[in-house]
Amino acid sequence: MTETTPTPSIAADTSPATGGGSCTAAVLVIGNEILSGRTQDVNVRMIATKLAPAGIRVIEVRVVPDVEAEIVDAIHALEAKADYVFTTGGIGPTHDDITAEAVSKAMGVRLIRHPEAERRLQAYYPPDKLTEARLRMANTAEGATLIDNPVSIAPGFRIGKVHVLAGVPQIAAAMMDNVVPTLEGGAVTRAVTLVVDGAEGEIAQRLGEVQDRHPSVEIGSYPAFRGGKPSVSLVLRGTDDAGLDAAEADLSTVLGEMGVPILFREG
């Protein structure tokens, strides 16, 4: 097979940079079909949801086309920002599945035919069905660790902090189930939601004041309509229970002073 020419990786550390504190992840969605609107991505939410209980917070998401240079540039940028990087898409058998090549180049290693990945494909497909195109799914970055795929056998792989997943949602989710137990996480984020009656603009100023008094807690405001009437979901997120409780108490007091009813609470 043809080997790629490696370029130096700017970040190949395999462990989180932040130890037991905050731990972060970035997601790189790869595929022309996402950018064209033909396919709707559902993997970002799945990845974030599976990482959250491990104390790993997704801080950035990028979507790039099936273009090697753009994939390489995005991996370098995200490696520099996050403890873990997850890519989705581009590891199938077709000509436009170039993620393995791009990741190899980004990490500064050769693209190889992984012996164990090849063995799994040989065991799964009858000899007359194991085409060269399908064997491309055994290609990984040199030195990579395989990520098991219990759905359709062809594995993903991990090299450094980069985890290469399939784009098919069912397969990507199964791969994540195998990945998450291997990760070193951080402090788990707890969330509390207060759904209030009224328009966002009516509470925005006082909400900002509450946020200023509790900088360790992230407060988000998400307007919606319920039964044709405006409402707002106020979501408080934090890793410190005492700080989160104090922010919630402060916000509840402010809402009471404004005469804004809390419809219900979650979390």
C-alpha atoms as a PDB file:
ATOM      1  CA  MET A   1       0.000   0.000   0.000  1.00  0.00           C
ATOM      2  CA  THR A   2       1.064   3.601  -0.414  1.00  0.00           C
ATOM      3  CA  GLU A   3       2.365   5.293   2.699  1.00  0.00           C
ATOM      4  CA  THR A   4       1.758   8.935   3.474  1.00  0.00           C
ATOM      5  CA  THR A   5       4.619  11.329   4.096  1.00  0.00           C
ATOM      6  CA  PRO A   6       4.445  12.319   7.756  1.00  0.00           C
ATOM      7  CA  THR A   7       4.648  15.867   9.031  1.00  0.00           C
ATOM      8  CA  PRO A   8       5.564  16.730  12.626  1.00  0.00           C
ATOM      9  CA  SER A   9       2.719  16.653  15.131  1.00  0.00           C
ATOM     10  CA  ILE A  10       2.352  19.693  17.349  1.00  0.00           C
ATOM     11  CA  ALA A  11       0.714  17.764  20.195  1.00  0.00           C
ATOM     12  CA  ALA A  12       0.933  14.015  20.640  1.00  0.00           C
ATOM     13  CA  ASP A  13       0.548  13.800  24.415  1.00  0.00           C
ATOM     14  CA  THR A  14      -1.679  10.907  25.429  1.00  0.00           C
ATOM     15  CA  SER A  15      -2.824  12.242  28.805  1.00  0.00           C
ATOM     16  CA  PRO A  16      -5.052  15.123  29.843  1.00  0.00           C
ATOM     17  CA  ALA A  17      -3.184  18.354  30.430  1.00  0.00           C
ATOM     18  CA  THR A  18      -5.302  19.318  33.405  1.00  0.00           C
ATOM     19  CA  GLY A  19      -5.065  16.270  35.665  1.00  0.00           C
ATOM     20  CA  GLY A  20      -7.913  15.955  38.157  1.00  0.00           C
ATOM     21  CA  GLY A  21      -9.391  19.417  37.539  1.00  0.00           C
ATOM     22  CA  SER A  22     -11.142  20.509  34.395  1.00  0.00           C
ATOM     23  CA  CYS A  23     -10.851  18.076  31.492  1.00  0.00           C
ATOM     24  CA  THR A  24     -11.843  19.054  27.983  1.00  0.00           C
ATOM     25  CA  ALA A  25     -12.594  17.574  24.587  1.00  0.00           C
ATOM     26  CA  ALA A  26     -13.069  18.819  21.049  1.00  0.00           C
ATOM     27  CA  VAL A  27     -15.016  17.161  18.253  1.00  0.00           C
ATOM     28  CA  LEU A  28     -14.032  17.279  14.589  1.00  0.00           C
ATOM     29  CA  VAL A  29     -16.886  16.289  12.279  1.00  0.00           C
ATOM     30  CA  ILE A  30     -15.550  15.298   8.860  1.00  0.00           C
ATOM     31  CA  GLY A  31     -17.660  15.018   5.748  1.00  0.00           C
ATOM     32  CA  ASN A  32     -18.932  16.876   2.712  1.00  0.00           C
ATOM     33  CA  GLU A  33     -22.365  15.400   3.374  1.00  0.00           C
ATOM     34  CA  ILE A  34     -22.624  17.291   6.666  1.00  0.00           C
ATOM     35  CA  LEU A  35     -21.617  20.615   5.144  1.00  0.00           C
ATOM     36  CA  SER A  36     -24.011  20.202   2.220  1.00  0.00           C
ATOM     37  CA  GLY A  37     -26.956  19.606   4.552  1.00  0.00           C
ATOM     38  CA  ARG A  38     -27.618  16.177   3.073  1.00  0.00           C
ATOM     39  CA  THR A  39     -26.852  14.484   6.390  1.00  0.00           C
ATOM     40  CA  GLN A  40     -27.676  15.854   9.831  1.00  0.00           C
ATOM     41  CA  ASP A  41     -24.997  15.290  12.447  1.00  0.00           C
ATOM     42  CA  VAL A  42     -26.119  13.600  15.646  1.00  0.00           C
ATOM     43  CA  ASN A  43     -22.721  12.454  16.875  1.00  0.00           C
ATOM     44  CA  VAL A  44     -21.706  15.674  18.617  1.00  0.00           C
ATOM     45  CA  ARG A  45     -24.548  15.433  21.103  1.00  0.00           C
ATOM     46  CA  MET A  46     -23.885  11.730  21.625  1.00  0.00           C
ATOM     47  CA  ILE A  47     -20.182  12.307  22.306  1.00  0.00           C
ATOM     48  CA  ALA A  48     -20.814  15.196  24.698  1.00  0.00           C
ATOM     49  CA  THR A  49     -23.476  13.202  26.544  1.00  0.00           C
ATOM     50  CA  LYS A  50     -21.215  10.182  26.993  1.00  0.00           C
ATOM     51  CA  LEU A  51     -18.235  12.278  28.106  1.00  0.00           C
ATOM     52  CA  ALA A  52     -20.085  14.404  30.662  1.00  0.00           C
ATOM     53  CA  PRO A  53     -20.431  11.699  33.377  1.00  0.00           C
ATOM     54  CA  ALA A  54     -16.671  11.186  33.145  1.00  0.00           C
ATOM     55  CA  GLY A  55     -16.051  14.861  33.888  1.00  0.00           C
ATOM     56  CA  ILE A  56     -14.974  15.690  30.327  1.00  0.00           C
ATOM     57  CA  ARG A  57     -16.509  18.800  28.793  1.00  0.00           C
ATOM     58  CA  VAL A  58     -16.732  19.454  25.063  1.00  0.00           C
ATOM     59  CA  ILE A  59     -15.399  22.965  24.460  1.00  0.00           C
ATOM     60  CA  GLU A  60     -15.305  23.162  20.673  1.00  0.00           C
ATOM     61  CA  VAL A  61     -16.812  21.536  17.603  1.00  0.00           C
ATOM     62  CA  ARG A  62     -15.610  21.971  14.027  1.00  0.00           C
ATOM     63  CA  VAL A  63     -16.988  20.650  10.751  1.00  0.00           C
ATOM     64  CA  VAL A  64     -14.623  20.259   7.798  1.00  0.00           C
ATOM     65  CA  PRO A  65     -14.902  18.757   4.309  1.00  0.00           C
ATOM     66  CA  ASP A  66     -13.163  15.630   3.050  1.00  0.00           C
ATOM     67  CA  VAL A  67     -10.003  17.593   2.319  1.00  0.00           C
ATOM     68  CA  GLU A  68      -6.756  16.346   3.831  1.00  0.00           C
ATOM     69  CA  ALA A  69      -5.158  19.746   4.455  1.00  0.00           C
ATOM     70  CA  GLU A  70      -8.240  21.039   6.252  1.00  0.00           C
ATOM     71  CA  ILE A  71      -8.484  17.936   8.432  1.00  0.00           C
ATOM     72  CA  VAL A  72      -4.799  18.198   9.348  1.00  0.00           C
ATOM     73  CA  ASP A  73      -5.067  21.896  10.207  1.00  0.00           C
ATOM     74  CA  ALA A  74      -8.165  21.305  12.335  1.00  0.00           C
ATOM     75  CA  ILE A  75      -6.531  18.448  14.268  1.00  0.00           C
ATOM     76  CA  HIS A  76      -3.493  20.601  15.034  1.00  0.00           C
ATOM     77  CA  ALA A  77      -5.692  23.466  16.237  1.00  0.00           C
ATOM     78  CA  LEU A  78      -7.929  21.289  18.402  1.00  0.00           C
ATOM     79  CA  GLU A  79      -5.026  19.331  19.897  1.00  0.00           C
ATOM     80  CA  ALA A  80      -3.642  22.608  21.181  1.00  0.00           C
ATOM     81  CA  LYS A  81      -6.930  23.482  22.914  1.00  0.00           C
ATOM     82  CA  ALA A  82      -8.354  20.268  24.342  1.00  0.00           C
ATOM     83  CA  ASP A  83      -7.227  17.260  26.342  1.00  0.00           C
ATOM     84  CA  TYR A  84      -8.953  14.887  23.922  1.00  0.00           C
ATOM     85  CA  VAL A  85      -9.934  15.173  20.272  1.00  0.00           C
ATOM     86  CA  PHE A  86     -12.634  13.018  18.668  1.00  0.00           C
ATOM     87  CA  THR A  87     -13.071  12.799  14.916  1.00  0.00           C
ATOM     88  CA  THR A  88     -16.151  11.341  13.263  1.00  0.00           C
ATOM     89  CA  GLY A  89     -16.475  10.202   9.667  1.00  0.00           C
ATOM     90  CA  GLY A  90     -14.178   9.331   6.815  1.00  0.00           C
ATOM     91  CA  ILE A  91     -12.927   5.850   7.802  1.00  0.00           C
ATOM     92  CA  GLY A  92     -15.034   3.793   5.414  1.00  0.00           C
ATOM     93  CA  PRO A  93     -14.026   1.948   2.199  1.00  0.00           C
ATOM     94  CA  THR A  94     -14.574   4.649  -0.426  1.00  0.00           C
ATOM     95  CA  HIS A  95     -12.207   7.016  -2.177  1.00  0.00           C
ATOM     96  CA  ASP A  96     -13.357  10.032  -0.147  1.00  0.00           C
ATOM     97  CA  ASP A  97     -12.733   8.313   3.195  1.00  0.00           C
ATOM     98  CA  ILE A  98      -9.402   9.975   3.938  1.00  0.00           C
ATOM     99  CA  THR A  99      -9.474  10.506   7.691  1.00  0.00           C
ATOM    100  CA  ALA A 100      -6.866   7.823   8.475  1.00  0.00           C
ATOM    101  CA  GLU A 101      -4.454   9.393   5.987  1.00  0.00           C
ATOM    102  CA  ALA A 102      -5.060  12.881   7.346  1.00  0.00           C
ATOM    103  CA  VAL A 103      -4.679  11.865  10.986  1.00  0.00           C
ATOM    104  CA  SER A 104      -1.431  10.049  10.175  1.00  0.00           C
ATOM    105  CA  LYS A 105      -0.085  13.175   8.535  1.00  0.00           C
ATOM    106  CA  ALA A 106      -1.237  15.390  11.387  1.00  0.00           C
ATOM    107  CA  MET A 107       0.456  13.151  13.943  1.00  0.00           C
ATOM    108  CA  GLY A 108       3.671  12.884  11.968  1.00  0.00           C
ATOM    109  CA  VAL A 109       3.577   9.115  11.414  1.00  0.00           C
ATOM    110  CA  ARG A 110       3.084   6.717   8.509  1.00  0.00           C
ATOM    111  CA  LEU A 111      -0.221   5.329   7.349  1.00  0.00           C
ATOM    112  CA  ILE A 112      -0.053   1.539   7.722  1.00  0.00           C
ATOM    113  CA  ARG A 113      -2.204  -1.537   7.227  1.00  0.00           C
ATOM    114  CA  HIS A 114      -2.832  -2.496  10.865  1.00  0.00           C
ATOM    115  CA  PRO A 115      -2.304  -6.280  11.226  1.00  0.00           C
ATOM    116  CA  GLU A 116      -4.969  -6.806  13.893  1.00  0.00           C
ATOM    117  CA  ALA A 117      -7.512  -4.671  12.055  1.00  0.00           C
ATOM    118  CA  GLU A 118      -6.810  -6.671   8.891  1.00  0.00           C
ATOM    119  CA  ARG A 119      -7.216  -9.942  10.797  1.00  0.00           C
ATOM    120  CA  ARG A 120     -10.608  -8.843  12.114  1.00  0.00           C
ATOM    121  CA  LEU A 121     -11.819  -7.967   8.628  1.00  0.00           C
ATOM    122  CA  GLN A 122     -10.563 -11.289   7.270  1.00  0.00           C
ATOM    123  CA  ALA A 123     -12.479 -13.129   9.998  1.00  0.00           C
ATOM    124  CA  TYR A 124     -15.646 -11.153   9.371  1.00  0.00           C
ATOM    125  CA  TYR A 125     -15.914 -11.180   5.582  1.00  0.00           C
ATOM    126  CA  PRO A 126     -15.905 -14.252   3.310  1.00  0.00           C
ATOM    127  CA  PRO A 127     -12.804 -14.257   1.092  1.00  0.00           C
ATOM    128  CA  ASP A 128     -14.770 -13.290  -2.010  1.00  0.00           C
ATOM    129  CA  LYS A 129     -16.279 -10.299  -0.184  1.00  0.00           C
ATOM    130  CA  LEU A 130     -13.070  -8.934   1.316  1.00  0.00           C
ATOM    131  CA  THR A 131     -12.251  -6.455  -1.415  1.00  0.00           C
ATOM    132  CA  GLU A 132      -9.295  -4.107  -1.448  1.00  0.00           C
ATOM    133  CA  ALA A 133     -11.757  -1.299  -0.770  1.00  0.00           C
ATOM    134  CA  ARG A 134     -12.872  -3.002   2.426  1.00  0.00           C
ATOM    135  CA  LEU A 135      -9.278  -3.667   3.412  1.00  0.00           C
ATOM    136  CA  ARG A 136      -8.744   0.108   3.397  1.00  0.00           C
ATOM    137  CA  MET A 137     -10.732   0.086   6.639  1.00  0.00           C
ATOM    138  CA  ALA A 138      -7.741  -1.636   8.263  1.00  0.00           C
ATOM    139  CA  ASN A 139      -5.524   1.379   7.589  1.00  0.00           C
ATOM    140  CA  THR A 140      -4.479   3.350  10.655  1.00  0.00           C
ATOM    141  CA  ALA A 141      -1.793   5.716  11.808  1.00  0.00           C
ATOM    142  CA  GLU A 142       1.375   3.850  12.751  1.00  0.00           C
ATOM    143  CA  GLY A 143       1.476   3.184  16.496  1.00  0.00           C
ATOM    144  CA  ALA A 144      -2.275   3.546  16.912  1.00  0.00           C
ATOM    145  CA  THR A 145      -4.418   1.539  19.331  1.00  0.00           C
ATOM    146  CA  LEU A 146      -7.585   0.081  17.861  1.00  0.00           C
ATOM    147  CA  ILE A 147     -11.056   1.115  19.035  1.00  0.00           C
ATOM    148  CA  ASP A 148     -13.397  -1.873  18.950  1.00  0.00           C
ATOM    149  CA  ASN A 149     -16.440  -1.782  16.686  1.00  0.00           C
ATOM    150  CA  PRO A 150     -18.990  -4.383  17.845  1.00  0.00           C
ATOM    151  CA  VAL A 151     -21.489  -3.309  15.180  1.00  0.00           C
ATOM    152  CA  SER A 152     -19.649  -3.843  11.895  1.00  0.00           C
ATOM    153  CA  ILE A 153     -16.113  -4.960  12.933  1.00  0.00           C
ATOM    154  CA  ALA A 154     -14.031  -2.303  11.118  1.00  0.00           C
ATOM    155  CA  PRO A 155     -12.305  -0.533  14.026  1.00  0.00           C
ATOM    156  CA  GLY A 156     -11.570   3.051  14.792  1.00  0.00           C
ATOM    157  CA  PHE A 157      -8.256   3.968  16.342  1.00  0.00           C
ATOM    158  CA  ARG A 158      -6.539   6.187  18.881  1.00  0.00           C
ATOM    159  CA  ILE A 159      -3.189   7.878  18.536  1.00  0.00           C
ATOM    160  CA  GLY A 160      -2.046  10.330  21.176  1.00  0.00           C
ATOM    161  CA  LYS A 161      -5.048  12.332  22.276  1.00  0.00           C
ATOM    162  CA  VAL A 162      -6.883  11.840  18.969  1.00  0.00           C
ATOM    163  CA  HIS A 163      -9.694   9.277  18.803  1.00  0.00           C
ATOM    164  CA  VAL A 164     -10.879   8.380  15.308  1.00  0.00           C
ATOM    165  CA  LEU A 165     -14.505   7.230  15.172  1.00  0.00           C
ATOM    166  CA  ALA A 166     -16.884   6.168  12.440  1.00  0.00           C
ATOM    167  CA  GLY A 167     -19.459   8.617  11.141  1.00  0.00           C
ATOM    168  CA  VAL A 168     -22.418   6.214  11.231  1.00  0.00           C
ATOM    169  CA  PRO A 169     -24.167   7.144  14.505  1.00  0.00           C
ATOM    170  CA  GLN A 170     -24.827   3.597  15.730  1.00  0.00           C
ATOM    171  CA  ILE A 171     -21.199   2.624  15.169  1.00  0.00           C
ATOM    172  CA  ALA A 172     -19.800   5.849  16.612  1.00  0.00           C
ATOM    173  CA  ALA A 173     -21.880   5.371  19.777  1.00  0.00           C
ATOM    174  CA  ALA A 174     -20.672   1.784  20.194  1.00  0.00           C
ATOM    175  CA  MET A 175     -17.078   2.921  19.760  1.00  0.00           C
ATOM    176  CA  MET A 176     -17.558   5.654  22.375  1.00  0.00           C
ATOM    177  CA  ASP A 177     -18.850   3.074  24.836  1.00  0.00           C
ATOM    178  CA  ASN A 178     -15.478   1.339  24.493  1.00  0.00           C
ATOM    179  CA  VAL A 179     -13.474   4.574  24.624  1.00  0.00           C
ATOM    180  CA  VAL A 180     -14.955   6.349  27.644  1.00  0.00           C
ATOM    181  CA  PRO A 181     -13.773   3.817  30.282  1.00  0.00           C
ATOM    182  CA  THR A 182     -10.191   4.331  29.073  1.00  0.00           C
ATOM    183  CA  LEU A 183     -10.219   8.103  29.566  1.00  0.00           C
ATOM    184  CA  GLU A 184      -8.962  10.067  32.551  1.00  0.00           C
ATOM    185  CA  GLY A 185     -11.659  12.612  33.336  1.00  0.00           C
ATOM    186  CA  GLY A 186     -11.988  15.615  35.584  1.00  0.00           C
ATOM    187  CA  ALA A 187     -14.519  17.090  37.954  1.00  0.00           C
ATOM    188  CA  VAL A 188     -18.069  16.209  36.955  1.00  0.00           C
ATOM    189  CA  THR A 189     -20.293  19.132  36.004  1.00  0.00           C
ATOM    190  CA  ARG A 190     -23.670  19.310  37.710  1.00  0.00           C
ATOM    191  CA  ALA A 191     -26.568  21.182  36.102  1.00  0.00           C
ATOM    192  CA  VAL A 192     -29.728  22.752  37.515  1.00  0.00           C
ATOM    193  CA  THR A 193     -32.509  24.083  35.294  1.00  0.00           C
ATOM    194  CA  LEU A 194     -35.135  26.627  36.328  1.00  0.00           C
ATOM    195  CA  VAL A 195     -37.919  27.083  33.796  1.00  0.00           C
ATOM    196  CA  VAL A 196     -39.540  30.464  34.296  1.00  0.00           C
ATOM    197  CA  ASP A 197     -42.573  32.226  32.905  1.00  0.00           C
ATOM    198  CA  GLY A 198     -41.948  35.326  30.797  1.00  0.00           C
ATOM    199  CA  ALA A 199     -39.700  36.762  28.114  1.00  0.00           C
ATOM    200  CA  GLU A 200     -35.922  36.577  28.155  1.00  0.00           C
ATOM    201  CA  GLY A 201     -35.500  40.317  27.681  1.00  0.00           C
ATOM    202  CA  GLU A 202     -37.344  41.026  30.921  1.00  0.00           C
ATOM    203  CA  ILE A 203     -34.811  39.171  33.069  1.00  0.00           C
ATOM    204  CA  ALA A 204     -31.610  39.621  31.054  1.00  0.00           C
ATOM    205  CA  GLN A 205     -30.083  42.458  33.072  1.00  0.00           C
ATOM    206  CA  ARG A 206     -30.684  40.914  36.477  1.00  0.00           C
ATOM    207  CA  LEU A 207     -29.538  37.536  35.161  1.00  0.00           C
ATOM    208  CA  GLY A 208     -26.230  39.103  34.146  1.00  0.00           C
ATOM    209  CA  GLU A 209     -25.829  40.525  37.644  1.00  0.00           C
ATOM    210  CA  VAL A 210     -26.316  37.066  39.150  1.00  0.00           C
ATOM    211  CA  GLN A 211     -23.701  35.674  36.761  1.00  0.00           C
ATOM    212  CA  ASP A 212     -21.241  38.385  37.839  1.00  0.00           C
ATOM    213  CA  ARG A 213     -21.702  37.428  41.485  1.00  0.00           C
ATOM    214  CA  HIS A 214     -21.038  33.751  40.773  1.00  0.00           C
ATOM    215  CA  PRO A 215     -18.206  33.544  38.226  1.00  0.00           C
ATOM    216  CA  SER A 216     -17.503  29.866  38.963  1.00  0.00           C
ATOM    217  CA  VAL A 217     -20.981  28.929  37.749  1.00  0.00           C
ATOM    218  CA  GLU A 218     -21.996  29.087  34.102  1.00  0.00           C
ATOM    219  CA  ILE A 219     -25.522  30.434  33.641  1.00  0.00           C
ATOM    220  CA  GLY A 220     -27.228  29.951  30.293  1.00  0.00           C
ATOM    221  CA  SER A 221     -30.542  31.380  29.123  1.00  0.00           C
ATOM    222  CA  TYR A 222     -32.631  29.531  26.523  1.00  0.00           C
ATOM    223  CA  PRO A 223     -35.948  31.062  25.419  1.00  0.00           C
ATOM    224  CA  ALA A 224     -38.861  28.979  24.171  1.00  0.00           C
ATOM    225  CA  PHE A 225     -42.633  29.024  23.813  1.00  0.00           C
ATOM    226  CA  ARG A 226     -44.870  26.840  25.962  1.00  0.00           C
ATOM    227  CA  GLY A 227     -48.522  26.750  25.056  1.00  0.00           C
ATOM    228  CA  GLY A 228     -47.990  29.785  22.884  1.00  0.00           C
ATOM    229  CA  LYS A 229     -46.521  31.815  25.752  1.00  0.00           C
ATOM    230  CA  PRO A 230     -42.860  32.815  26.221  1.00  0.00           C
ATOM    231  CA  SER A 231     -40.775  30.992  28.781  1.00  0.00           C
ATOM    232  CA  VAL A 232     -37.085  30.728  29.552  1.00  0.00           C
ATOM    233  CA  SER A 233     -34.956  27.789  30.677  1.00  0.00           C
ATOM    234  CA  LEU A 234     -32.214  29.075  32.964  1.00  0.00           C
ATOM    235  CA  VAL A 235     -29.467  26.462  33.187  1.00  0.00           C
ATOM    236  CA  LEU A 236     -26.798  26.704  35.880  1.00  0.00           C
ATOM    237  CA  ARG A 237     -23.697  24.513  35.473  1.00  0.00           C
ATOM    238  CA  GLY A 238     -20.787  24.048  37.820  1.00  0.00           C
ATOM    239  CA  THR A 239     -18.408  21.527  39.334  1.00  0.00           C
ATOM    240  CA  ASP A 240     -18.671  22.847  42.909  1.00  0.00           C
ATOM    241  CA  ASP A 241     -21.914  21.904  44.660  1.00  0.00           C
ATOM    242  CA  ALA A 242     -21.735  24.722  47.198  1.00  0.00           C
ATOM    243  CA  GLY A 243     -21.109  27.327  44.529  1.00  0.00           C
ATOM    244  CA  LEU A 244     -23.925  25.973  42.363  1.00  0.00           C
ATOM    245  CA  ASP A 245     -26.364  25.936  45.285  1.00  0.00           C
ATOM    246  CA  ALA A 246     -25.449  29.532  46.187  1.00  0.00           C
ATOM    247  CA  ALA A 247     -25.981  30.703  42.615  1.00  0.00           C
ATOM    248  CA  GLU A 248     -29.349  28.948  42.426  1.00  0.00           C
ATOM    249  CA  ALA A 249     -30.463  30.503  45.703  1.00  0.00           C
ATOM    250  CA  ASP A 250     -29.389  33.944  44.524  1.00  0.00           C
ATOM    251  CA  LEU A 251     -31.177  33.547  41.206  1.00  0.00           C
ATOM    252  CA  SER A 252     -34.350  32.264  42.857  1.00  0.00           C
ATOM    253  CA  THR A 253     -34.371  35.294  45.153  1.00  0.00           C
ATOM    254  CA  VAL A 254     -33.913  37.679  42.239  1.00  0.00           C
ATOM    255  CA  LEU A 255     -36.711  36.039  40.272  1.00  0.00           C
ATOM    256  CA  GLY A 256     -38.982  36.305  43.301  1.00  0.00           C
ATOM    257  CA  GLU A 257     -38.178  40.011  43.685  1.00  0.00           C
ATOM    258  CA  MET A 258     -39.093  40.515  40.017  1.00  0.00           C
ATOM    259  CA  GLY A 259     -42.329  38.594  40.316  1.00  0.00           C
ATOM    260  CA  VAL A 260     -41.169  36.026  37.769  1.00  0.00           C
ATOM    261  CA  PRO A 261     -42.667  32.625  38.594  1.00  0.00           C
ATOM    262  CA  ILE A 262     -40.580  29.465  38.397  1.00  0.00           C
ATOM    263  CA  LEU A 263     -42.687  26.919  36.522  1.00  0.00           C
ATOM    264  CA  PHE A 264     -40.518  23.944  37.477  1.00  0.00           C
ATOM    265  CA  ARG A 265     -37.026  22.901  38.436  1.00  0.00           C
ATOM    266  CA  GLU A 266     -34.820  20.073  37.150  1.00  0.00           C
ATOM    267  CA  GLY A 267     -31.502  18.766  38.455  1.00  0.00           C
END
